[in-house]
Amino acid sequence: MRHVKYSDRVVALKKIRKEKAHKYDPELKNIKIERAVMARANHPYIMELFFTFQSETHYFMGMEFCNGGELFTLLTNRNYKI
């Protein structure tokens, strides 16, 4: 995750390597679901998705910055079953 300036906001930029994503999920189901849910979600406790784009080697998601890291990482570090 990196932080970039987007208009007057600080945005978290999630960067996903295409090679790695296709290796583990050839149809990109998880990435497509994440993008669809975040694009439709409108709730104060869910990060807002501002934009998505891709390069030759990566997928990018620009979302609202929330200090503390990703929920998935927090859950896996505490051994919650997902």
C-alpha atoms as a PDB file:
ATOM      1  CA  MET A   1       0.000   0.000   0.000  1.00  0.00           C
ATOM      2  CA  ARG A   2       1.199   3.481  -0.779  1.00  0.00           C
ATOM      3  CA  HIS A   3      -0.342   6.825   0.001  1.00  0.00           C
ATOM      4  CA  VAL A   4      -0.847   9.398  -2.725  1.00  0.00           C
ATOM      5  CA  LYS A   5      -2.521  12.793  -2.957  1.00  0.00           C
ATOM      6  CA  TYR A   6      -5.869  12.671  -4.810  1.00  0.00           C
ATOM      7  CA  SER A   7      -7.526  16.052  -5.112  1.00  0.00           C
ATOM      8  CA  ASP A   8      -7.515  17.295  -1.500  1.00  0.00           C
ATOM      9  CA  ARG A   9      -7.438  13.801   0.086  1.00  0.00           C
ATOM     10  CA  VAL A  10      -4.763  11.298   1.004  1.00  0.00           C
ATOM     11  CA  VAL A  11      -5.548   8.030  -0.774  1.00  0.00           C
ATOM     12  CA  ALA A  12      -4.273   4.516  -0.129  1.00  0.00           C
ATOM     13  CA  LEU A  13      -3.105   2.969  -3.385  1.00  0.00           C
ATOM     14  CA  LYS A  14      -3.350  -0.817  -3.381  1.00  0.00           C
ATOM     15  CA  LYS A  15      -1.005  -2.395  -5.938  1.00  0.00           C
ATOM     16  CA  ILE A  16      -1.517  -6.012  -7.069  1.00  0.00           C
ATOM     17  CA  ARG A  17       0.960  -7.798  -9.327  1.00  0.00           C
ATOM     18  CA  LYS A  18      -0.869  -9.314 -12.308  1.00  0.00           C
ATOM     19  CA  GLU A  19       1.489 -12.292 -12.500  1.00  0.00           C
ATOM     20  CA  LYS A  20       0.852 -13.252  -8.873  1.00  0.00           C
ATOM     21  CA  ALA A  21      -2.887 -12.571  -9.079  1.00  0.00           C
ATOM     22  CA  HIS A  22      -3.343 -14.768 -12.164  1.00  0.00           C
ATOM     23  CA  LYS A  23      -1.246 -17.538 -10.627  1.00  0.00           C
ATOM     24  CA  TYR A  24      -3.498 -17.883  -7.567  1.00  0.00           C
ATOM     25  CA  ASP A  25      -6.804 -16.866  -9.169  1.00  0.00           C
ATOM     26  CA  PRO A  26      -6.744 -17.313 -12.989  1.00  0.00           C
ATOM     27  CA  GLU A  27     -10.218 -15.794 -13.444  1.00  0.00           C
ATOM     28  CA  LEU A  28      -9.488 -12.958 -10.977  1.00  0.00           C
ATOM     29  CA  LYS A  29     -12.707 -13.681  -9.065  1.00  0.00           C
ATOM     30  CA  ASN A  30     -11.436 -12.268  -5.758  1.00  0.00           C
ATOM     31  CA  ILE A  31     -10.199  -9.016  -7.280  1.00  0.00           C
ATOM     32  CA  LYS A  32     -13.432  -8.553  -9.229  1.00  0.00           C
ATOM     33  CA  ILE A  33     -15.542  -9.203  -6.129  1.00  0.00           C
ATOM     34  CA  GLU A  34     -13.475  -6.815  -4.000  1.00  0.00           C
ATOM     35  CA  ARG A  35     -13.775  -4.077  -6.598  1.00  0.00           C
ATOM     36  CA  ALA A  36     -17.537  -4.607  -7.063  1.00  0.00           C
ATOM     37  CA  VAL A  37     -18.280  -4.605  -3.331  1.00  0.00           C
ATOM     38  CA  MET A  38     -16.173  -1.526  -2.656  1.00  0.00           C
ATOM     39  CA  ALA A  39     -17.646   0.345  -5.626  1.00  0.00           C
ATOM     40  CA  ARG A  40     -21.215  -0.284  -4.414  1.00  0.00           C
ATOM     41  CA  ALA A  41     -20.677   0.046  -0.662  1.00  0.00           C
ATOM     42  CA  ASN A  42     -21.848   3.253   0.940  1.00  0.00           C
ATOM     43  CA  HIS A  43     -21.225   2.942   4.674  1.00  0.00           C
ATOM     44  CA  PRO A  44     -19.107   4.953   7.124  1.00  0.00           C
ATOM     45  CA  TYR A  45     -17.222   1.803   8.240  1.00  0.00           C
ATOM     46  CA  ILE A  46     -16.293   0.631   4.724  1.00  0.00           C
ATOM     47  CA  MET A  47     -13.510   2.386   2.813  1.00  0.00           C
ATOM     48  CA  GLU A  48     -14.596   4.333  -0.234  1.00  0.00           C
ATOM     49  CA  LEU A  49     -13.144   3.244  -3.570  1.00  0.00           C
ATOM     50  CA  PHE A  50     -12.202   6.306  -5.645  1.00  0.00           C
ATOM     51  CA  PHE A  51     -10.650   4.784  -8.757  1.00  0.00           C
ATOM     52  CA  THR A  52      -9.122   1.674 -10.339  1.00  0.00           C
ATOM     53  CA  PHE A  53      -6.698   1.256 -13.210  1.00  0.00           C
ATOM     54  CA  GLN A  54      -4.093  -1.145 -14.525  1.00  0.00           C
ATOM     55  CA  SER A  55      -0.658  -1.107 -16.102  1.00  0.00           C
ATOM     56  CA  GLU A  56       1.045  -3.870 -18.054  1.00  0.00           C
ATOM     57  CA  THR A  57       2.213  -5.490 -14.824  1.00  0.00           C
ATOM     58  CA  HIS A  58      -0.135  -4.352 -12.022  1.00  0.00           C
ATOM     59  CA  TYR A  59      -3.727  -3.643 -10.982  1.00  0.00           C
ATOM     60  CA  PHE A  60      -4.311  -0.555  -8.808  1.00  0.00           C
ATOM     61  CA  MET A  61      -7.136   0.475  -6.458  1.00  0.00           C
ATOM     62  CA  GLY A  62      -7.240   4.003  -5.062  1.00  0.00           C
ATOM     63  CA  MET A  63      -9.265   4.021  -1.865  1.00  0.00           C
ATOM     64  CA  GLU A  64      -9.913   6.056   1.220  1.00  0.00           C
ATOM     65  CA  PHE A  65      -6.928   6.074   3.565  1.00  0.00           C
ATOM     66  CA  CYS A  66      -7.542   4.393   6.931  1.00  0.00           C
ATOM     67  CA  ASN A  67      -4.629   4.320   9.330  1.00  0.00           C
ATOM     68  CA  GLY A  68      -3.798   0.887  10.744  1.00  0.00           C
ATOM     69  CA  GLY A  69      -3.507  -1.389   7.704  1.00  0.00           C
ATOM     70  CA  GLU A  70      -5.809  -3.845   5.959  1.00  0.00           C
ATOM     71  CA  LEU A  71      -8.565  -5.723   7.768  1.00  0.00           C
ATOM     72  CA  PHE A  72      -7.558  -8.981   6.033  1.00  0.00           C
ATOM     73  CA  THR A  73      -4.008  -8.689   7.410  1.00  0.00           C
ATOM     74  CA  LEU A  74      -5.295  -7.943  10.900  1.00  0.00           C
ATOM     75  CA  LEU A  75      -7.600 -10.962  10.830  1.00  0.00           C
ATOM     76  CA  THR A  76      -4.977 -13.366   9.487  1.00  0.00           C
ATOM     77  CA  ASN A  77      -2.370 -12.162  11.990  1.00  0.00           C
ATOM     78  CA  ARG A  78      -4.783 -12.925  14.833  1.00  0.00           C
ATOM     79  CA  ASN A  79      -5.563 -16.384  13.398  1.00  0.00           C
ATOM     80  CA  TYR A  80      -9.247 -15.717  12.692  1.00  0.00           C
ATOM     81  CA  LYS A  81     -10.769 -18.214  10.246  1.00  0.00           C
ATOM     82  CA  ILE A  82     -11.774 -16.486   7.007  1.00  0.00           C
END
